[in-house]
Amino acid sequence: AKWITYYLYVVIDIFSRYVVGWLIAERESGALAEQLITETCIKHQIARDQLTIHADNGGPMSAKPVALLMSDLGVSPSHSRPHVSNDNPFSEAQFKTLKYQPDYPDRFGSLVDARTWAQTFFRWYNTEHHHSGIGFMTPAAIHYGEASQLFAERQQTLITAYAAHPERFVKGQPYPPALPTAVWINRPKEEEKTP
């Protein structure tokens, strides 16, 4: 029906770009955000004081139940700057990838249709989509620690190709794209050095 909107909540590990949790609902709600964060922390066995959640300043993420939950779980909050819509480039990139999928529909027929489509999308996004920001690895490869082995295999393939046909590589020995070592949204200020 016209004028019905569905809300997509996403929890993404910005280091690996892996979507660790998501939820589609008919309303925006702090209780739903609380439920998603709780279930995601349990599913991924997040220990106290191990996690920082960067969220926008929207009502659900700044609601008192979510703030209390984050305190109970030992989760550090990090919020967007006021009046800035694109403060989280990782989330923005993920949503752009979602919206520009060839099979993204003009409209969903129902909430079940939206959830079914999203389930297929997030499975693909996590396990098949190769990201330039993480060395053209999949989020699952980075998230589950498989990237180093894949990087070594890629390097060996490039070494073999270069040895067989060095004339094809005008810039010399090729190397795979670098893997991420650290990722920040709000980079901590470096401590001032004292003489």
C-alpha atoms as a PDB file:
ATOM      1  CA  ALA A   1       0.000   0.000   0.000  1.00  0.00           C
ATOM      2  CA  LYS A   2       1.084   3.567  -0.548  1.00  0.00           C
ATOM      3  CA  TRP A   3       2.713   5.469   2.286  1.00  0.00           C
ATOM      4  CA  ILE A   4       3.841   2.372   4.194  1.00  0.00           C
ATOM      5  CA  THR A   5       7.501   2.569   5.160  1.00  0.00           C
ATOM      6  CA  TYR A   6       9.797  -0.125   6.477  1.00  0.00           C
ATOM      7  CA  TYR A   7      12.787   0.704   8.650  1.00  0.00           C
ATOM      8  CA  LEU A   8      16.080  -1.135   8.288  1.00  0.00           C
ATOM      9  CA  TYR A   9      18.345  -1.331  11.339  1.00  0.00           C
ATOM     10  CA  VAL A  10      21.891  -2.550  10.613  1.00  0.00           C
ATOM     11  CA  VAL A  11      24.827  -3.355  12.901  1.00  0.00           C
ATOM     12  CA  ILE A  12      28.046  -3.458  10.875  1.00  0.00           C
ATOM     13  CA  ASP A  13      31.584  -4.276  11.985  1.00  0.00           C
ATOM     14  CA  ILE A  14      33.433  -1.382  10.361  1.00  0.00           C
ATOM     15  CA  PHE A  15      36.802  -3.166  10.397  1.00  0.00           C
ATOM     16  CA  SER A  16      35.595  -6.106   8.302  1.00  0.00           C
ATOM     17  CA  ARG A  17      32.450  -4.468   6.832  1.00  0.00           C
ATOM     18  CA  TYR A  18      30.612  -7.597   8.024  1.00  0.00           C
ATOM     19  CA  VAL A  19      26.935  -7.053   8.857  1.00  0.00           C
ATOM     20  CA  VAL A  20      26.648  -8.765  12.234  1.00  0.00           C
ATOM     21  CA  GLY A  21      22.989  -7.963  12.773  1.00  0.00           C
ATOM     22  CA  TRP A  22      20.006  -6.431  11.020  1.00  0.00           C
ATOM     23  CA  LEU A  23      16.302  -5.962  11.489  1.00  0.00           C
ATOM     24  CA  ILE A  24      13.456  -4.661   9.331  1.00  0.00           C
ATOM     25  CA  ALA A  25      10.411  -3.268  11.118  1.00  0.00           C
ATOM     26  CA  GLU A  26       7.310  -1.200  10.446  1.00  0.00           C
ATOM     27  CA  ARG A  27       8.347   1.472  12.926  1.00  0.00           C
ATOM     28  CA  GLU A  28      11.388   3.199  14.355  1.00  0.00           C
ATOM     29  CA  SER A  29      11.791   2.303  17.988  1.00  0.00           C
ATOM     30  CA  GLY A  30      14.348   2.388  20.773  1.00  0.00           C
ATOM     31  CA  ALA A  31      12.977  -0.964  21.988  1.00  0.00           C
ATOM     32  CA  LEU A  32      13.708  -2.569  18.615  1.00  0.00           C
ATOM     33  CA  ALA A  33      17.214  -1.075  18.545  1.00  0.00           C
ATOM     34  CA  GLU A  34      17.726  -2.425  22.069  1.00  0.00           C
ATOM     35  CA  GLN A  35      16.541  -5.884  20.986  1.00  0.00           C
ATOM     36  CA  LEU A  36      18.851  -5.904  17.942  1.00  0.00           C
ATOM     37  CA  ILE A  37      21.913  -4.816  19.941  1.00  0.00           C
ATOM     38  CA  THR A  38      21.218  -7.389  22.672  1.00  0.00           C
ATOM     39  CA  GLU A  39      20.713 -10.257  20.209  1.00  0.00           C
ATOM     40  CA  THR A  40      23.783  -9.263  18.184  1.00  0.00           C
ATOM     41  CA  CYS A  41      26.030  -9.090  21.263  1.00  0.00           C
ATOM     42  CA  ILE A  42      24.812 -12.510  22.433  1.00  0.00           C
ATOM     43  CA  LYS A  43      25.135 -14.090  18.966  1.00  0.00           C
ATOM     44  CA  HIS A  44      28.717 -12.855  18.533  1.00  0.00           C
ATOM     45  CA  GLN A  45      29.722 -13.361  22.204  1.00  0.00           C
ATOM     46  CA  ILE A  46      30.720  -9.731  22.761  1.00  0.00           C
ATOM     47  CA  ALA A  47      32.286  -9.336  26.185  1.00  0.00           C
ATOM     48  CA  ARG A  48      31.892  -6.265  28.410  1.00  0.00           C
ATOM     49  CA  ASP A  49      34.007  -3.250  27.463  1.00  0.00           C
ATOM     50  CA  GLN A  50      34.893  -4.809  24.104  1.00  0.00           C
ATOM     51  CA  LEU A  51      32.595  -2.859  21.808  1.00  0.00           C
ATOM     52  CA  THR A  52      31.976   0.706  20.665  1.00  0.00           C
ATOM     53  CA  ILE A  53      28.769   1.389  18.774  1.00  0.00           C
ATOM     54  CA  HIS A  54      28.794   4.388  16.463  1.00  0.00           C
ATOM     55  CA  ALA A  55      25.222   5.484  15.798  1.00  0.00           C
ATOM     56  CA  ASP A  56      23.379   8.397  14.353  1.00  0.00           C
ATOM     57  CA  ASN A  57      21.565  10.848  16.592  1.00  0.00           C
ATOM     58  CA  GLY A  58      18.138   9.474  15.682  1.00  0.00           C
ATOM     59  CA  GLY A  59      15.538   8.820  18.330  1.00  0.00           C
ATOM     60  CA  PRO A  60      15.958   5.025  18.554  1.00  0.00           C
ATOM     61  CA  MET A  61      19.714   5.131  19.032  1.00  0.00           C
ATOM     62  CA  SER A  62      19.688   8.004  21.513  1.00  0.00           C
ATOM     63  CA  ALA A  63      16.689   6.665  23.457  1.00  0.00           C
ATOM     64  CA  LYS A  64      17.067   6.039  27.171  1.00  0.00           C
ATOM     65  CA  PRO A  65      16.476   2.224  26.919  1.00  0.00           C
ATOM     66  CA  VAL A  66      19.314   1.910  24.380  1.00  0.00           C
ATOM     67  CA  ALA A  67      21.638   4.098  26.458  1.00  0.00           C
ATOM     68  CA  LEU A  68      20.910   2.007  29.581  1.00  0.00           C
ATOM     69  CA  LEU A  69      21.390  -1.238  27.646  1.00  0.00           C
ATOM     70  CA  MET A  70      24.724  -0.073  26.283  1.00  0.00           C
ATOM     71  CA  SER A  71      25.792   0.839  29.815  1.00  0.00           C
ATOM     72  CA  ASP A  72      24.696  -2.581  31.117  1.00  0.00           C
ATOM     73  CA  LEU A  73      26.615  -4.357  28.325  1.00  0.00           C
ATOM     74  CA  GLY A  74      29.721  -2.215  28.790  1.00  0.00           C
ATOM     75  CA  VAL A  75      29.345  -0.826  25.259  1.00  0.00           C
ATOM     76  CA  SER A  76      30.943   2.553  24.572  1.00  0.00           C
ATOM     77  CA  PRO A  77      28.688   4.928  22.629  1.00  0.00           C
ATOM     78  CA  SER A  78      29.883   7.065  19.730  1.00  0.00           C
ATOM     79  CA  HIS A  79      27.384   9.328  18.019  1.00  0.00           C
ATOM     80  CA  SER A  80      27.394  11.284  14.793  1.00  0.00           C
ATOM     81  CA  ARG A  81      28.061  14.971  14.810  1.00  0.00           C
ATOM     82  CA  PRO A  82      24.797  16.949  14.956  1.00  0.00           C
ATOM     83  CA  HIS A  83      23.188  17.821  11.611  1.00  0.00           C
ATOM     84  CA  VAL A  84      25.545  15.573   9.604  1.00  0.00           C
ATOM     85  CA  SER A  85      23.790  12.877   7.594  1.00  0.00           C
ATOM     86  CA  ASN A  86      26.847  11.022   6.326  1.00  0.00           C
ATOM     87  CA  ASP A  87      29.048  10.773   9.400  1.00  0.00           C
ATOM     88  CA  ASN A  88      29.413   6.994   9.039  1.00  0.00           C
ATOM     89  CA  PRO A  89      30.933   6.320   5.598  1.00  0.00           C
ATOM     90  CA  PHE A  90      30.861   2.548   6.152  1.00  0.00           C
ATOM     91  CA  SER A  91      27.131   2.532   6.768  1.00  0.00           C
ATOM     92  CA  GLU A  92      26.537   4.924   3.863  1.00  0.00           C
ATOM     93  CA  ALA A  93      28.524   2.643   1.526  1.00  0.00           C
ATOM     94  CA  GLN A  94      26.600  -0.416   2.695  1.00  0.00           C
ATOM     95  CA  PHE A  95      23.246   1.285   2.106  1.00  0.00           C
ATOM     96  CA  LYS A  96      24.352   2.478  -1.333  1.00  0.00           C
ATOM     97  CA  THR A  97      25.363  -1.079  -2.246  1.00  0.00           C
ATOM     98  CA  LEU A  98      21.941  -2.257  -1.062  1.00  0.00           C
ATOM     99  CA  LYS A  99      19.968   0.374  -2.986  1.00  0.00           C
ATOM    100  CA  TYR A 100      21.879  -0.136  -6.236  1.00  0.00           C
ATOM    101  CA  GLN A 101      21.447  -3.909  -6.389  1.00  0.00           C
ATOM    102  CA  PRO A 102      19.971  -4.898  -9.763  1.00  0.00           C
ATOM    103  CA  ASP A 103      17.174  -6.833  -8.033  1.00  0.00           C
ATOM    104  CA  TYR A 104      16.322  -4.081  -5.519  1.00  0.00           C
ATOM    105  CA  PRO A 105      12.567  -3.609  -6.025  1.00  0.00           C
ATOM    106  CA  ASP A 106      10.748  -0.323  -6.508  1.00  0.00           C
ATOM    107  CA  ARG A 107       8.404  -1.453  -3.738  1.00  0.00           C
ATOM    108  CA  PHE A 108       8.150  -4.409  -1.411  1.00  0.00           C
ATOM    109  CA  GLY A 109       4.802  -6.207  -1.377  1.00  0.00           C
ATOM    110  CA  SER A 110       4.893  -6.791   2.359  1.00  0.00           C
ATOM    111  CA  LEU A 111       7.134  -6.818   5.401  1.00  0.00           C
ATOM    112  CA  VAL A 112       7.821 -10.524   4.730  1.00  0.00           C
ATOM    113  CA  ASP A 113       8.926  -9.666   1.168  1.00  0.00           C
ATOM    114  CA  ALA A 114      11.311  -7.000   2.482  1.00  0.00           C
ATOM    115  CA  ARG A 115      12.812  -9.360   5.063  1.00  0.00           C
ATOM    116  CA  THR A 116      13.184 -12.166   2.505  1.00  0.00           C
ATOM    117  CA  TRP A 117      14.969  -9.856   0.063  1.00  0.00           C
ATOM    118  CA  ALA A 118      17.236  -8.508   2.810  1.00  0.00           C
ATOM    119  CA  GLN A 119      18.154 -11.994   3.996  1.00  0.00           C
ATOM    120  CA  THR A 120      19.433 -12.864   0.512  1.00  0.00           C
ATOM    121  CA  PHE A 121      21.159  -9.491   0.158  1.00  0.00           C
ATOM    122  CA  PHE A 122      23.031  -9.656   3.492  1.00  0.00           C
ATOM    123  CA  ARG A 123      24.164 -13.235   2.845  1.00  0.00           C
ATOM    124  CA  TRP A 124      25.600 -12.082  -0.509  1.00  0.00           C
ATOM    125  CA  TYR A 125      27.048  -8.874   0.997  1.00  0.00           C
ATOM    126  CA  ASN A 126      28.878 -10.740   3.759  1.00  0.00           C
ATOM    127  CA  THR A 127      30.134 -13.766   1.819  1.00  0.00           C
ATOM    128  CA  GLU A 128      30.460 -12.810  -1.871  1.00  0.00           C
ATOM    129  CA  HIS A 129      30.841  -9.037  -2.236  1.00  0.00           C
ATOM    130  CA  HIS A 130      34.494  -7.971  -2.513  1.00  0.00           C
ATOM    131  CA  HIS A 131      35.227  -4.534  -1.009  1.00  0.00           C
ATOM    132  CA  SER A 132      37.973  -2.255  -2.280  1.00  0.00           C
ATOM    133  CA  GLY A 133      38.493  -0.830   1.240  1.00  0.00           C
ATOM    134  CA  ILE A 134      39.448  -4.243   2.619  1.00  0.00           C
ATOM    135  CA  GLY A 135      41.791  -5.385  -0.140  1.00  0.00           C
ATOM    136  CA  PHE A 136      39.017  -6.807  -2.333  1.00  0.00           C
ATOM    137  CA  MET A 137      38.236  -9.426   0.297  1.00  0.00           C
ATOM    138  CA  THR A 138      34.758 -10.375   1.413  1.00  0.00           C
ATOM    139  CA  PRO A 139      33.607  -9.133   4.809  1.00  0.00           C
ATOM    140  CA  ALA A 140      33.388 -12.765   6.000  1.00  0.00           C
ATOM    141  CA  ALA A 141      37.043 -13.413   5.080  1.00  0.00           C
ATOM    142  CA  ILE A 142      38.186 -10.448   7.187  1.00  0.00           C
ATOM    143  CA  HIS A 143      35.701 -11.016  10.019  1.00  0.00           C
ATOM    144  CA  TYR A 144      36.533 -14.698  10.464  1.00  0.00           C
ATOM    145  CA  GLY A 145      40.312 -14.356  10.058  1.00  0.00           C
ATOM    146  CA  GLU A 146      40.698 -15.991   6.639  1.00  0.00           C
ATOM    147  CA  ALA A 147      42.146 -12.917   4.908  1.00  0.00           C
ATOM    148  CA  SER A 148      45.833 -13.569   5.641  1.00  0.00           C
ATOM    149  CA  GLN A 149      45.686 -16.997   4.005  1.00  0.00           C
ATOM    150  CA  LEU A 150      43.797 -15.601   0.992  1.00  0.00           C
ATOM    151  CA  PHE A 151      46.303 -12.748   0.733  1.00  0.00           C
ATOM    152  CA  ALA A 152      49.195 -15.270   0.679  1.00  0.00           C
ATOM    153  CA  GLU A 153      47.438 -17.322  -2.016  1.00  0.00           C
ATOM    154  CA  ARG A 154      46.861 -14.206  -4.133  1.00  0.00           C
ATOM    155  CA  GLN A 155      50.493 -13.187  -3.695  1.00  0.00           C
ATOM    156  CA  GLN A 156      51.696 -16.624  -4.807  1.00  0.00           C
ATOM    157  CA  THR A 157      49.445 -16.469  -7.883  1.00  0.00           C
ATOM    158  CA  LEU A 158      50.866 -13.053  -8.798  1.00  0.00           C
ATOM    159  CA  ILE A 159      54.454 -14.234  -8.279  1.00  0.00           C
ATOM    160  CA  THR A 160      53.823 -17.225 -10.560  1.00  0.00           C
ATOM    161  CA  ALA A 161      52.185 -15.051 -13.216  1.00  0.00           C
ATOM    162  CA  TYR A 162      55.010 -12.514 -13.078  1.00  0.00           C
ATOM    163  CA  ALA A 163      57.685 -15.232 -13.364  1.00  0.00           C
ATOM    164  CA  ALA A 164      55.952 -16.749 -16.376  1.00  0.00           C
ATOM    165  CA  HIS A 165      55.294 -13.463 -18.226  1.00  0.00           C
ATOM    166  CA  PRO A 166      57.131 -10.457 -16.737  1.00  0.00           C
ATOM    167  CA  GLU A 167      56.513  -8.478 -19.944  1.00  0.00           C
ATOM    168  CA  ARG A 168      52.811  -8.299 -19.068  1.00  0.00           C
ATOM    169  CA  PHE A 169      53.545  -6.337 -15.901  1.00  0.00           C
ATOM    170  CA  VAL A 170      54.884  -2.956 -17.019  1.00  0.00           C
ATOM    171  CA  LYS A 171      55.106  -1.673 -13.432  1.00  0.00           C
ATOM    172  CA  GLY A 172      57.082  -4.652 -12.177  1.00  0.00           C
ATOM    173  CA  GLN A 173      56.195  -7.296  -9.606  1.00  0.00           C
ATOM    174  CA  PRO A 174      52.481  -6.963  -8.698  1.00  0.00           C
ATOM    175  CA  TYR A 175      51.183  -7.214  -5.140  1.00  0.00           C
ATOM    176  CA  PRO A 176      47.660  -7.811  -3.857  1.00  0.00           C
ATOM    177  CA  PRO A 177      45.864  -4.824  -2.307  1.00  0.00           C
ATOM    178  CA  ALA A 178      46.769  -4.270   1.343  1.00  0.00           C
ATOM    179  CA  LEU A 179      44.576  -5.628   4.089  1.00  0.00           C
ATOM    180  CA  PRO A 180      43.190  -3.214   6.699  1.00  0.00           C
ATOM    181  CA  THR A 181      45.140  -2.742   9.913  1.00  0.00           C
ATOM    182  CA  ALA A 182      42.961  -0.155  11.685  1.00  0.00           C
ATOM    183  CA  VAL A 183      39.705   1.618  10.894  1.00  0.00           C
ATOM    184  CA  TRP A 184      38.251   4.743  12.484  1.00  0.00           C
ATOM    185  CA  ILE A 185      35.147   6.886  12.219  1.00  0.00           C
ATOM    186  CA  ASN A 186      36.101   9.355  14.937  1.00  0.00           C
ATOM    187  CA  ARG A 187      39.862   8.850  15.157  1.00  0.00           C
ATOM    188  CA  PRO A 188      41.153   9.430  18.689  1.00  0.00           C
ATOM    189  CA  LYS A 189      43.383  12.454  18.998  1.00  0.00           C
ATOM    190  CA  GLU A 190      46.983  11.461  19.477  1.00  0.00           C
ATOM    191  CA  GLU A 191      48.335  12.374  22.865  1.00  0.00           C
ATOM    192  CA  GLU A 192      50.499  15.446  22.805  1.00  0.00           C
ATOM    193  CA  LYS A 193      54.145  14.629  23.174  1.00  0.00           C
ATOM    194  CA  THR A 194      55.785  16.260  26.139  1.00  0.00           C
ATOM    195  CA  PRO A 195      59.447  17.278  25.985  1.00  0.00           C
END
